[in-house]
PDB file of N, CA and C in Angstrom:
ATOM      1  N   MET A   1     106.087 112.313  63.395  1.00  0.00           N
ATOM      2  CA  MET A   1     106.801 112.713  64.591  1.00  0.00           C
ATOM      3  C   MET A   1     106.840 111.561  65.597  1.00  0.00           C
ATOM      4  N   LYS A   2     108.018 111.312  66.155  1.00  0.00           N
ATOM      5  CA  LYS A   2     108.162 110.230  67.122  1.00  0.00           C
ATOM      6  C   LYS A   2     107.624 110.658  68.487  1.00  0.00           C
ATOM      7  N   SER A   3     107.045 109.710  69.172  1.00  0.00           N
ATOM      8  CA  SER A   3     106.547 109.957  70.516  1.00  0.00           C
ATOM      9  C   SER A   3     107.716 110.104  71.492  1.00  0.00           C
ATOM     10  N   LEU A   4     107.569 110.987  72.468  1.00  0.00           N
ATOM     11  CA  LEU A   4     108.607 111.185  73.476  1.00  0.00           C
ATOM     12  C   LEU A   4     108.833 109.937  74.318  1.00  0.00           C
ATOM     13  N   ILE A   5     107.799 109.129  74.472  1.00  0.00           N
ATOM     14  CA  ILE A   5     107.942 107.957  75.328  1.00  0.00           C
ATOM     15  C   ILE A   5     108.105 106.659  74.541  1.00  0.00           C
ATOM     16  N   GLU A   6     108.357 106.783  73.251  1.00  0.00           N
ATOM     17  CA  GLU A   6     108.460 105.615  72.381  1.00  0.00           C
ATOM     18  C   GLU A   6     109.482 104.578  72.861  1.00  0.00           C
ATOM     19  N   ASN A   7     110.657 105.019  73.312  1.00  0.00           N
ATOM     20  CA  ASN A   7     111.696 104.073  73.724  1.00  0.00           C
ATOM     21  C   ASN A   7     111.693 103.760  75.209  1.00  0.00           C
ATOM     22  N   ILE A   8     110.695 104.233  75.930  1.00  0.00           N
ATOM     23  CA  ILE A   8     110.596 103.874  77.344  1.00  0.00           C
ATOM     24  C   ILE A   8     110.064 102.447  77.399  1.00  0.00           C
ATOM     25  N   ASN A   9     110.848 101.600  78.046  1.00  0.00           N
ATOM     26  CA  ASN A   9     110.580 100.164  78.034  1.00  0.00           C
ATOM     27  C   ASN A   9     109.719  99.760  79.228  1.00  0.00           C
ATOM     28  N   LYS A  10     108.568  99.180  78.938  1.00  0.00           N
ATOM     29  CA  LYS A  10     107.627  98.757  79.974  1.00  0.00           C
ATOM     30  C   LYS A  10     108.247  97.739  80.935  1.00  0.00           C
ATOM     31  N   ALA A  11     109.207  96.958  80.462  1.00  0.00           N
ATOM     32  CA  ALA A  11     109.854  95.952  81.325  1.00  0.00           C
ATOM     33  C   ALA A  11     110.581  96.598  82.501  1.00  0.00           C
ATOM     34  N   PHE A  12     110.933  97.869  82.368  1.00  0.00           N
ATOM     35  CA  PHE A  12     111.671  98.565  83.428  1.00  0.00           C
ATOM     36  C   PHE A  12     110.800  99.544  84.205  1.00  0.00           C
ATOM     37  N   ASP A  13     109.475  99.439  84.071  1.00  0.00           N
ATOM     38  CA  ASP A  13     108.615 100.447  84.691  1.00  0.00           C
ATOM     39  C   ASP A  13     108.383 100.236  86.188  1.00  0.00           C
ATOM     40  N   HIS A  14     108.925  99.196  86.757  1.00  0.00           N
ATOM     41  CA  HIS A  14     108.797  98.971  88.196  1.00  0.00           C
ATOM     42  C   HIS A  14     110.126  99.277  88.870  1.00  0.00           C
ATOM     43  N   ARG A  15     110.077  99.901  90.036  1.00  0.00           N
ATOM     44  CA  ARG A  15     111.310 100.338  90.701  1.00  0.00           C
ATOM     45  C   ARG A  15     112.263  99.185  91.010  1.00  0.00           C
ATOM     46  N   ILE A  16     111.725  98.006  91.294  1.00  0.00           N
ATOM     47  CA  ILE A  16     112.607  96.873  91.608  1.00  0.00           C
ATOM     48  C   ILE A  16     113.353  96.429  90.352  1.00  0.00           C
ATOM     49  N   ARG A  17     112.659  96.366  89.224  1.00  0.00           N
ATOM     50  CA  ARG A  17     113.325  95.992  87.963  1.00  0.00           C
ATOM     51  C   ARG A  17     114.347  97.046  87.559  1.00  0.00           C
ATOM     52  N   LEU A  18     113.990  98.298  87.752  1.00  0.00           N
ATOM     53  CA  LEU A  18     114.908  99.400  87.464  1.00  0.00           C
ATOM     54  C   LEU A  18     116.154  99.263  88.342  1.00  0.00           C
ATOM     55  N   GLY A  19     115.943  98.922  89.611  1.00  0.00           N
ATOM     56  CA  GLY A  19     117.046  98.737  90.545  1.00  0.00           C
ATOM     57  C   GLY A  19     117.934  97.566  90.176  1.00  0.00           C
ATOM     58  N   ILE A  20     117.322  96.442  89.824  1.00  0.00           N
ATOM     59  CA  ILE A  20     118.087  95.254  89.419  1.00  0.00           C
ATOM     60  C   ILE A  20     118.980  95.605  88.238  1.00  0.00           C
ATOM     61  N   MET A  21     118.399  96.210  87.221  1.00  0.00           N
ATOM     62  CA  MET A  21     119.164  96.535  86.020  1.00  0.00           C
ATOM     63  C   MET A  21     120.248  97.573  86.310  1.00  0.00           C
ATOM     64  N   SER A  22     119.946  98.556  87.138  1.00  0.00           N
ATOM     65  CA  SER A  22     120.937  99.579  87.480  1.00  0.00           C
ATOM     66  C   SER A  22     122.154  98.947  88.143  1.00  0.00           C
ATOM     67  N   ILE A  23     121.918  98.032  89.060  1.00  0.00           N
ATOM     68  CA  ILE A  23     123.016  97.353  89.753  1.00  0.00           C
ATOM     69  C   ILE A  23     123.812  96.491  88.773  1.00  0.00           C
ATOM     70  N   LEU A  24     123.101  95.785  87.895  1.00  0.00           N
ATOM     71  CA  LEU A  24     123.789  94.876  86.968  1.00  0.00           C
ATOM     72  C   LEU A  24     124.509  95.610  85.836  1.00  0.00           C
ATOM     73  N   MET A  25     124.132  96.851  85.579  1.00  0.00           N
ATOM     74  CA  MET A  25     124.821  97.622  84.544  1.00  0.00           C
ATOM     75  C   MET A  25     126.219  98.035  84.999  1.00  0.00           C
ATOM     76  N   VAL A  26     126.409  98.210  86.295  1.00  0.00           N
ATOM     77  CA  VAL A  26     127.705  98.661  86.805  1.00  0.00           C
ATOM     78  C   VAL A  26     128.514  97.552  87.478  1.00  0.00           C
ATOM     79  N   ASN A  27     127.941  96.376  87.578  1.00  0.00           N
ATOM     80  CA  ASN A  27     128.634  95.213  88.141  1.00  0.00           C
ATOM     81  C   ASN A  27     128.537  94.065  87.146  1.00  0.00           C
ATOM     82  N   GLU A  28     129.578  93.279  87.074  1.00  0.00           N
ATOM     83  CA  GLU A  28     129.557  92.140  86.156  1.00  0.00           C
ATOM     84  C   GLU A  28     128.413  91.191  86.510  1.00  0.00           C
ATOM     85  N   TYR A  29     128.200  91.005  87.810  1.00  0.00           N
ATOM     86  CA  TYR A  29     127.100  90.177  88.289  1.00  0.00           C
ATOM     87  C   TYR A  29     126.789  90.563  89.726  1.00  0.00           C
ATOM     88  N   ALA A  30     125.676  90.088  90.240  1.00  0.00           N
ATOM     89  CA  ALA A  30     125.317  90.267  91.648  1.00  0.00           C
ATOM     90  C   ALA A  30     124.573  89.018  92.091  1.00  0.00           C
ATOM     91  N   ASP A  31     124.778  88.617  93.339  1.00  0.00           N
ATOM     92  CA  ASP A  31     124.042  87.444  93.807  1.00  0.00           C
ATOM     93  C   ASP A  31     122.729  87.874  94.462  1.00  0.00           C
ATOM     94  N   PHE A  32     121.895  86.888  94.742  1.00  0.00           N
ATOM     95  CA  PHE A  32     120.543  87.122  95.257  1.00  0.00           C
ATOM     96  C   PHE A  32     120.583  87.964  96.530  1.00  0.00           C
ATOM     97  N   THR A  33     121.437  87.580  97.472  1.00  0.00           N
ATOM     98  CA  THR A  33     121.507  88.272  98.758  1.00  0.00           C
ATOM     99  C   THR A  33     121.923  89.732  98.585  1.00  0.00           C
ATOM    100  N   THR A  34     122.900  89.976  97.740  1.00  0.00           N
ATOM    101  CA  THR A  34     123.366  91.338  97.493  1.00  0.00           C
ATOM    102  C   THR A  34     122.240  92.196  96.915  1.00  0.00           C
ATOM    103  N   LEU A  35     121.562  91.679  95.886  1.00  0.00           N
ATOM    104  CA  LEU A  35     120.451  92.431  95.291  1.00  0.00           C
ATOM    105  C   LEU A  35     119.356  92.690  96.323  1.00  0.00           C
ATOM    106  N   LYS A  36     119.032  91.666  97.080  1.00  0.00           N
ATOM    107  CA  LYS A  36     117.969  91.787  98.083  1.00  0.00           C
ATOM    108  C   LYS A  36     118.304  92.884  99.097  1.00  0.00           C
ATOM    109  N   GLU A  37     119.552  92.897  99.567  1.00  0.00           N
ATOM    110  CA  GLU A  37     119.959  93.902 100.558  1.00  0.00           C
ATOM    111  C   GLU A  37     120.025  95.310  99.959  1.00  0.00           C
ATOM    112  N   LEU A  38     120.605  95.422  98.766  1.00  0.00           N
ATOM    113  CA  LEU A  38     120.723  96.742  98.134  1.00  0.00           C
ATOM    114  C   LEU A  38     119.364  97.349  97.814  1.00  0.00           C
ATOM    115  N   LEU A  39     118.428  96.500  97.413  1.00  0.00           N
ATOM    116  CA  LEU A  39     117.111  96.997  97.000  1.00  0.00           C
ATOM    117  C   LEU A  39     116.099  97.039  98.150  1.00  0.00           C
ATOM    118  N   GLY A  40     116.405  96.353  99.257  1.00  0.00           N
ATOM    119  CA  GLY A  40     115.481  96.340 100.394  1.00  0.00           C
ATOM    120  C   GLY A  40     114.160  95.683 100.076  1.00  0.00           C
ATOM    121  N   VAL A  41     114.221  94.517  99.433  1.00  0.00           N
ATOM    122  CA  VAL A  41     113.002  93.816  99.020  1.00  0.00           C
ATOM    123  C   VAL A  41     112.954  92.417  99.633  1.00  0.00           C
ATOM    124  N   THR A  42     111.789  91.798  99.547  1.00  0.00           N
ATOM    125  CA  THR A  42     111.632  90.433 100.052  1.00  0.00           C
ATOM    126  C   THR A  42     112.146  89.429  99.020  1.00  0.00           C
ATOM    127  N   ASP A  43     112.363  88.204  99.468  1.00  0.00           N
ATOM    128  CA  ASP A  43     112.791  87.132  98.569  1.00  0.00           C
ATOM    129  C   ASP A  43     111.831  86.982  97.394  1.00  0.00           C
ATOM    130  N   GLY A  44     110.536  86.922  97.718  1.00  0.00           N
ATOM    131  CA  GLY A  44     109.517  86.709  96.691  1.00  0.00           C
ATOM    132  C   GLY A  44     109.463  87.841  95.680  1.00  0.00           C
ATOM    133  N   ASN A  45     109.566  89.075  96.177  1.00  0.00           N
ATOM    134  CA  ASN A  45     109.550  90.241  95.296  1.00  0.00           C
ATOM    135  C   ASN A  45     110.721  90.209  94.330  1.00  0.00           C
ATOM    136  N   LEU A  46     111.918  89.970  94.870  1.00  0.00           N
ATOM    137  CA  LEU A  46     113.108  89.938  94.031  1.00  0.00           C
ATOM    138  C   LEU A  46     113.008  88.812  93.008  1.00  0.00           C
ATOM    139  N   ALA A  47     112.604  87.633  93.463  1.00  0.00           N
ATOM    140  CA  ALA A  47     112.512  86.478  92.566  1.00  0.00           C
ATOM    141  C   ALA A  47     111.530  86.728  91.428  1.00  0.00           C
ATOM    142  N   SER A  48     110.372  87.305  91.725  1.00  0.00           N
ATOM    143  CA  SER A  48     109.371  87.507  90.663  1.00  0.00           C
ATOM    144  C   SER A  48     109.817  88.565  89.656  1.00  0.00           C
ATOM    145  N   HIS A  49     110.448  89.629  90.129  1.00  0.00           N
ATOM    146  CA  HIS A  49     110.909  90.669  89.204  1.00  0.00           C
ATOM    147  C   HIS A  49     112.114  90.185  88.390  1.00  0.00           C
ATOM    148  N   ALA A  50     112.974  89.398  89.011  1.00  0.00           N
ATOM    149  CA  ALA A  50     114.114  88.827  88.277  1.00  0.00           C
ATOM    150  C   ALA A  50     113.603  87.887  87.190  1.00  0.00           C
ATOM    151  N   LYS A  51     112.578  87.112  87.522  1.00  0.00           N
ATOM    152  CA  LYS A  51     112.000  86.177  86.541  1.00  0.00           C
ATOM    153  C   LYS A  51     111.426  86.950  85.350  1.00  0.00           C
ATOM    154  N   ALA A  52     110.773  88.073  85.634  1.00  0.00           N
ATOM    155  CA  ALA A  52     110.198  88.892  84.558  1.00  0.00           C
ATOM    156  C   ALA A  52     111.304  89.415  83.634  1.00  0.00           C
ATOM    157  N   LEU A  53     112.416  89.858  84.209  1.00  0.00           N
ATOM    158  CA  LEU A  53     113.527  90.341  83.388  1.00  0.00           C
ATOM    159  C   LEU A  53     114.187  89.199  82.624  1.00  0.00           C
ATOM    160  N   GLU A  54     114.251  88.030  83.265  1.00  0.00           N
ATOM    161  CA  GLU A  54     114.823  86.862  82.587  1.00  0.00           C
ATOM    162  C   GLU A  54     113.950  86.451  81.402  1.00  0.00           C
ATOM    163  N   SER A  55     112.643  86.518  81.565  1.00  0.00           N
ATOM    164  CA  SER A  55     111.741  86.115  80.483  1.00  0.00           C
ATOM    165  C   SER A  55     111.868  87.028  79.264  1.00  0.00           C
ATOM    166  N   GLU A  56     112.320  88.268  79.475  1.00  0.00           N
ATOM    167  CA  GLU A  56     112.577  89.205  78.369  1.00  0.00           C
ATOM    168  C   GLU A  56     113.986  89.024  77.800  1.00  0.00           C
ATOM    169  N   ASN A  57     114.756  88.119  78.408  1.00  0.00           N
ATOM    170  CA  ASN A  57     116.161  87.883  78.058  1.00  0.00           C
ATOM    171  C   ASN A  57     117.039  89.101  78.358  1.00  0.00           C
ATOM    172  N   TYR A  58     116.672  89.851  79.403  1.00  0.00           N
ATOM    173  CA  TYR A  58     117.447  91.014  79.808  1.00  0.00           C
ATOM    174  C   TYR A  58     118.486  90.663  80.864  1.00  0.00           C
ATOM    175  N   ILE A  59     118.203  89.605  81.636  1.00  0.00           N
ATOM    176  CA  ILE A  59     119.195  89.117  82.594  1.00  0.00           C
ATOM    177  C   ILE A  59     119.311  87.607  82.469  1.00  0.00           C
ATOM    178  N   ALA A  60     120.459  87.096  82.896  1.00  0.00           N
ATOM    179  CA  ALA A  60     120.669  85.645  82.962  1.00  0.00           C
ATOM    180  C   ALA A  60     120.769  85.281  84.435  1.00  0.00           C
ATOM    181  N   ILE A  61     120.165  84.155  84.787  1.00  0.00           N
ATOM    182  CA  ILE A  61     120.189  83.675  86.164  1.00  0.00           C
ATOM    183  C   ILE A  61     120.988  82.376  86.192  1.00  0.00           C
ATOM    184  N   GLU A  62     121.974  82.347  87.057  1.00  0.00           N
ATOM    185  CA  GLU A  62     122.856  81.186  87.168  1.00  0.00           C
ATOM    186  C   GLU A  62     122.769  80.647  88.592  1.00  0.00           C
ATOM    187  N   LYS A  63     122.322  79.402  88.703  1.00  0.00           N
ATOM    188  CA  LYS A  63     122.211  78.783  90.028  1.00  0.00           C
ATOM    189  C   LYS A  63     123.348  77.789  90.189  1.00  0.00           C
ATOM    190  N   GLN A  64     123.973  77.839  91.362  1.00  0.00           N
ATOM    191  CA  GLN A  64     125.080  76.934  91.645  1.00  0.00           C
ATOM    192  C   GLN A  64     125.132  76.677  93.149  1.00  0.00           C
ATOM    193  N   PHE A  65     126.019  75.792  93.548  1.00  0.00           N
ATOM    194  CA  PHE A  65     126.239  75.561  94.970  1.00  0.00           C
ATOM    195  C   PHE A  65     127.639  76.008  95.323  1.00  0.00           C
ATOM    196  N   ILE A  66     127.748  76.707  96.427  1.00  0.00           N
ATOM    197  CA  ILE A  66     129.052  77.064  96.971  1.00  0.00           C
ATOM    198  C   ILE A  66     129.132  76.284  98.278  1.00  0.00           C
ATOM    199  N   GLY A  67     129.956  75.242  98.254  1.00  0.00           N
ATOM    200  CA  GLY A  67     129.925  74.287  99.361  1.00  0.00           C
ATOM    201  C   GLY A  67     128.587  73.579  99.289  1.00  0.00           C
ATOM    202  N   LYS A  68     127.841  73.640 100.369  1.00  0.00           N
ATOM    203  CA  LYS A  68     126.515  73.020 100.374  1.00  0.00           C
ATOM    204  C   LYS A  68     125.397  74.048 100.277  1.00  0.00           C
ATOM    205  N   LYS A  69     125.783  75.313 100.126  1.00  0.00           N
ATOM    206  CA  LYS A  69     124.778  76.376 100.074  1.00  0.00           C
ATOM    207  C   LYS A  69     124.443  76.749  98.640  1.00  0.00           C
ATOM    208  N   PRO A  70     123.141  76.855  98.337  1.00  0.00           N
ATOM    209  CA  PRO A  70     122.756  77.308  97.001  1.00  0.00           C
ATOM    210  C   PRO A  70     123.109  78.786  96.822  1.00  0.00           C
ATOM    211  N   ASN A  71     123.504  79.139  95.624  1.00  0.00           N
ATOM    212  CA  ASN A  71     123.855  80.513  95.321  1.00  0.00           C
ATOM    213  C   ASN A  71     123.269  80.863  93.964  1.00  0.00           C
ATOM    214  N   THR A  72     122.571  81.973  93.898  1.00  0.00           N
ATOM    215  CA  THR A  72     121.977  82.423  92.640  1.00  0.00           C
ATOM    216  C   THR A  72     122.642  83.731  92.247  1.00  0.00           C
ATOM    217  N   ARG A  73     123.189  83.744  91.031  1.00  0.00           N
ATOM    218  CA  ARG A  73     123.846  84.944  90.507  1.00  0.00           C
ATOM    219  C   ARG A  73     123.077  85.463  89.308  1.00  0.00           C
ATOM    220  N   TYR A  74     123.084  86.765  89.162  1.00  0.00           N
ATOM    221  CA  TYR A  74     122.393  87.435  88.063  1.00  0.00           C
ATOM    222  C   TYR A  74     123.393  88.286  87.296  1.00  0.00           C
ATOM    223  N   ASN A  75     123.242  88.323  85.995  1.00  0.00           N
ATOM    224  CA  ASN A  75     124.014  89.280  85.200  1.00  0.00           C
ATOM    225  C   ASN A  75     123.153  89.769  84.041  1.00  0.00           C
ATOM    226  N   ALA A  76     123.453  90.997  83.617  1.00  0.00           N
ATOM    227  CA  ALA A  76     122.709  91.593  82.503  1.00  0.00           C
ATOM    228  C   ALA A  76     123.227  90.980  81.202  1.00  0.00           C
ATOM    229  N   THR A  77     122.311  90.602  80.333  1.00  0.00           N
ATOM    230  CA  THR A  77     122.696  90.084  79.023  1.00  0.00           C
ATOM    231  C   THR A  77     123.040  91.271  78.117  1.00  0.00           C
ATOM    232  N   GLN A  78     123.648  90.975  76.990  1.00  0.00           N
ATOM    233  CA  GLN A  78     123.957  92.040  76.027  1.00  0.00           C
ATOM    234  C   GLN A  78     122.671  92.734  75.581  1.00  0.00           C
ATOM    235  N   GLU A  79     121.661  91.923  75.327  1.00  0.00           N
ATOM    236  CA  GLU A  79     120.350  92.465  74.926  1.00  0.00           C
ATOM    237  C   GLU A  79     119.763  93.346  76.033  1.00  0.00           C
ATOM    238  N   GLY A  80     119.918  92.903  77.276  1.00  0.00           N
ATOM    239  CA  GLY A  80     119.417  93.666  78.414  1.00  0.00           C
ATOM    240  C   GLY A  80     120.141  94.986  78.581  1.00  0.00           C
ATOM    241  N   ARG A  81     121.463  94.960  78.412  1.00  0.00           N
ATOM    242  CA  ARG A  81     122.259  96.186  78.528  1.00  0.00           C
ATOM    243  C   ARG A  81     121.825  97.205  77.469  1.00  0.00           C
ATOM    244  N   LYS A  82     121.616  96.723  76.248  1.00  0.00           N
ATOM    245  CA  LYS A  82     121.209  97.605  75.149  1.00  0.00           C
ATOM    246  C   LYS A  82     119.818  98.191  75.427  1.00  0.00           C
ATOM    247  N   ALA A  83     118.884  97.339  75.826  1.00  0.00           N
ATOM    248  CA  ALA A  83     117.515  97.793  76.094  1.00  0.00           C
ATOM    249  C   ALA A  83     117.473  98.786  77.250  1.00  0.00           C
ATOM    250  N   PHE A  84     118.263  98.515  78.288  1.00  0.00           N
ATOM    251  CA  PHE A  84     118.268  99.416  79.446  1.00  0.00           C
ATOM    252  C   PHE A  84     118.890 100.761  79.079  1.00  0.00           C
ATOM    253  N   GLN A  85     119.956 100.741  78.301  1.00  0.00           N
ATOM    254  CA  GLN A  85     120.586 101.993  77.884  1.00  0.00           C
ATOM    255  C   GLN A  85     119.622 102.821  77.039  1.00  0.00           C
ATOM    256  N   GLU A  86     118.883 102.164  76.144  1.00  0.00           N
ATOM    257  CA  GLU A  86     117.882 102.865  75.333  1.00  0.00           C
ATOM    258  C   GLU A  86     116.790 103.464  76.219  1.00  0.00           C
ATOM    259  N   HIS A  87     116.414 102.717  77.254  1.00  0.00           N
ATOM    260  CA  HIS A  87     115.394 103.186  78.206  1.00  0.00           C
ATOM    261  C   HIS A  87     115.885 104.441  78.938  1.00  0.00           C
ATOM    262  N   ILE A  88     117.122 104.395  79.434  1.00  0.00           N
ATOM    263  CA  ILE A  88     117.703 105.535  80.147  1.00  0.00           C
ATOM    264  C   ILE A  88     117.830 106.744  79.205  1.00  0.00           C
ATOM    265  N   ASP A  89     118.288 106.503  77.985  1.00  0.00           N
ATOM    266  CA  ASP A  89     118.403 107.582  77.000  1.00  0.00           C
ATOM    267  C   ASP A  89     117.037 108.228  76.736  1.00  0.00           C
ATOM    268  N   ALA A  90     115.999 107.395  76.631  1.00  0.00           N
ATOM    269  CA  ALA A  90     114.645 107.910  76.379  1.00  0.00           C
ATOM    270  C   ALA A  90     114.172 108.747  77.563  1.00  0.00           C
ATOM    271  N   LEU A  91     114.456 108.297  78.789  1.00  0.00           N
ATOM    272  CA  LEU A  91     114.074 109.072  79.975  1.00  0.00           C
ATOM    273  C   LEU A  91     114.795 110.415  79.998  1.00  0.00           C
ATOM    274  N   GLU A  92     116.086 110.398  79.652  1.00  0.00           N
ATOM    275  CA  GLU A  92     116.848 111.649  79.629  1.00  0.00           C
ATOM    276  C   GLU A  92     116.281 112.626  78.601  1.00  0.00           C
ATOM    277  N   LYS A  93     115.911 112.122  77.438  1.00  0.00           N
ATOM    278  CA  LYS A  93     115.318 112.977  76.400  1.00  0.00           C
ATOM    279  C   LYS A  93     113.993 113.564  76.887  1.00  0.00           C
ATOM    280  N   LEU A  94     113.216 112.727  77.553  1.00  0.00           N
ATOM    281  CA  LEU A  94     111.922 113.165  78.069  1.00  0.00           C
ATOM    282  C   LEU A  94     112.123 114.293  79.091  1.00  0.00           C
ATOM    283  N   ILE A  95     113.094 114.132  79.966  1.00  0.00           N
ATOM    284  CA  ILE A  95     113.374 115.140  80.990  1.00  0.00           C
ATOM    285  C   ILE A  95     113.852 116.438  80.352  1.00  0.00           C
ATOM    286  N   GLN A  96     114.705 116.326  79.340  1.00  0.00           N
ATOM    287  CA  GLN A  96     115.242 117.517  78.671  1.00  0.00           C
ATOM    288  C   GLN A  96     114.167 118.292  77.919  1.00  0.00           C
ATOM    289  N   LYS A  97     113.143 117.618  77.461  1.00  0.00           N
ATOM    290  CA  LYS A  97     112.066 118.281  76.716  1.00  0.00           C
ATOM    291  C   LYS A  97     111.176 119.111  77.620  1.00  0.00           C
ATOM    292  N   HIS A  98     111.219 118.837  78.919  1.00  0.00           N
ATOM    293  CA  HIS A  98     110.312 119.537  79.822  1.00  0.00           C
ATOM    294  C   HIS A  98     111.043 120.444  80.734  1.00  0.00           C
TER     295      HIS A  98
END
């Protein structure tokens, strides 16, 4: 028998990571400032959680300059989209069982 929480992904167990992925699932990309404002987090918090998702290859981080200002953009990778969808599906199954 499979465990109810088998497909719940530990990489998404923090609300900030869940928020980052949720935003990136419905948008092609989001920049640092947009994510920071939508999630209500500090620079350091956002950067560390984004790095954790990047290390799992769930998001890609693209740094560029717009004029003379640095700009950091994030987008969900194909692998990240698949993993997040599996995570959401597992949560839905868990909720339906109870």
